[in-house]
Amino acid sequence: MPIFQKSIVDKYLDTLDAGVLDKAYDSYKEVYSAQKTQRIKKLKEEQ
């Protein structure tokens, strides 16, 4: 059972400004890039 109903999520996403959404996604990509996640996994393995 999903946490949010699809219709509610779609309605909310339609109200968002595309520029704000793109900027937030770019910020997300910087924080959670594949290189950083691999580095974190490697550091956890070393411990």
C-alpha atoms as a PDB file:
ATOM      1  CA  MET A   1       0.000   0.000   0.000  1.00  0.00           C
ATOM      2  CA  PRO A   2       1.576   3.298  -1.071  1.00  0.00           C
ATOM      3  CA  ILE A   3       2.142   6.082   1.426  1.00  0.00           C
ATOM      4  CA  PHE A   4       0.563   8.683  -0.854  1.00  0.00           C
ATOM      5  CA  GLN A   5      -2.224   8.255  -3.364  1.00  0.00           C
ATOM      6  CA  LYS A   6      -1.037   8.734  -6.933  1.00  0.00           C
ATOM      7  CA  SER A   7      -3.697  11.352  -7.647  1.00  0.00           C
ATOM      8  CA  ILE A   8      -2.531  13.455  -4.685  1.00  0.00           C
ATOM      9  CA  VAL A   9       1.112  13.230  -5.763  1.00  0.00           C
ATOM     10  CA  ASP A  10       0.259  14.138  -9.361  1.00  0.00           C
ATOM     11  CA  LYS A  11      -1.844  17.107  -8.217  1.00  0.00           C
ATOM     12  CA  TYR A  12       1.014  18.372  -6.029  1.00  0.00           C
ATOM     13  CA  LEU A  13       3.629  17.927  -8.756  1.00  0.00           C
ATOM     14  CA  ASP A  14       1.455  19.881 -11.199  1.00  0.00           C
ATOM     15  CA  THR A  15       1.506  22.889  -8.856  1.00  0.00           C
ATOM     16  CA  LEU A  16       5.306  22.997  -8.612  1.00  0.00           C
ATOM     17  CA  ASP A  17       7.321  25.407 -10.732  1.00  0.00           C
ATOM     18  CA  ALA A  18       9.535  23.502 -13.180  1.00  0.00           C
ATOM     19  CA  GLY A  19      12.503  25.810 -12.499  1.00  0.00           C
ATOM     20  CA  VAL A  20      12.348  25.192  -8.761  1.00  0.00           C
ATOM     21  CA  LEU A  21      12.013  21.470  -9.328  1.00  0.00           C
ATOM     22  CA  ASP A  22      15.020  21.370 -11.674  1.00  0.00           C
ATOM     23  CA  LYS A  23      17.138  23.371  -9.222  1.00  0.00           C
ATOM     24  CA  ALA A  24      16.218  21.057  -6.352  1.00  0.00           C
ATOM     25  CA  TYR A  25      17.015  17.980  -8.458  1.00  0.00           C
ATOM     26  CA  ASP A  26      20.413  19.407  -9.415  1.00  0.00           C
ATOM     27  CA  SER A  27      21.147  19.936  -5.736  1.00  0.00           C
ATOM     28  CA  TYR A  28      20.061  16.358  -5.008  1.00  0.00           C
ATOM     29  CA  LYS A  29      22.346  15.009  -7.737  1.00  0.00           C
ATOM     30  CA  GLU A  30      25.325  16.843  -6.225  1.00  0.00           C
ATOM     31  CA  VAL A  31      24.702  15.397  -2.775  1.00  0.00           C
ATOM     32  CA  TYR A  32      23.855  11.855  -3.867  1.00  0.00           C
ATOM     33  CA  SER A  33      26.103  11.374  -6.881  1.00  0.00           C
ATOM     34  CA  ALA A  34      27.212   7.853  -7.775  1.00  0.00           C
ATOM     35  CA  GLN A  35      30.832   8.682  -6.958  1.00  0.00           C
ATOM     36  CA  LYS A  36      29.983   9.868  -3.457  1.00  0.00           C
ATOM     37  CA  THR A  37      27.826   6.852  -2.682  1.00  0.00           C
ATOM     38  CA  GLN A  38      30.566   4.506  -3.881  1.00  0.00           C
ATOM     39  CA  ARG A  39      33.106   6.334  -1.714  1.00  0.00           C
ATOM     40  CA  ILE A  40      30.817   6.007   1.317  1.00  0.00           C
ATOM     41  CA  LYS A  41      30.341   2.283   0.663  1.00  0.00           C
ATOM     42  CA  LYS A  42      34.103   1.828   0.366  1.00  0.00           C
ATOM     43  CA  LEU A  43      34.703   3.675   3.634  1.00  0.00           C
ATOM     44  CA  LYS A  44      32.110   1.520   5.401  1.00  0.00           C
ATOM     45  CA  GLU A  45      33.797  -1.635   4.134  1.00  0.00           C
ATOM     46  CA  GLU A  46      37.158  -0.456   5.456  1.00  0.00           C
ATOM     47  CA  GLN A  47      35.788   0.043   8.971  1.00  0.00           C
END
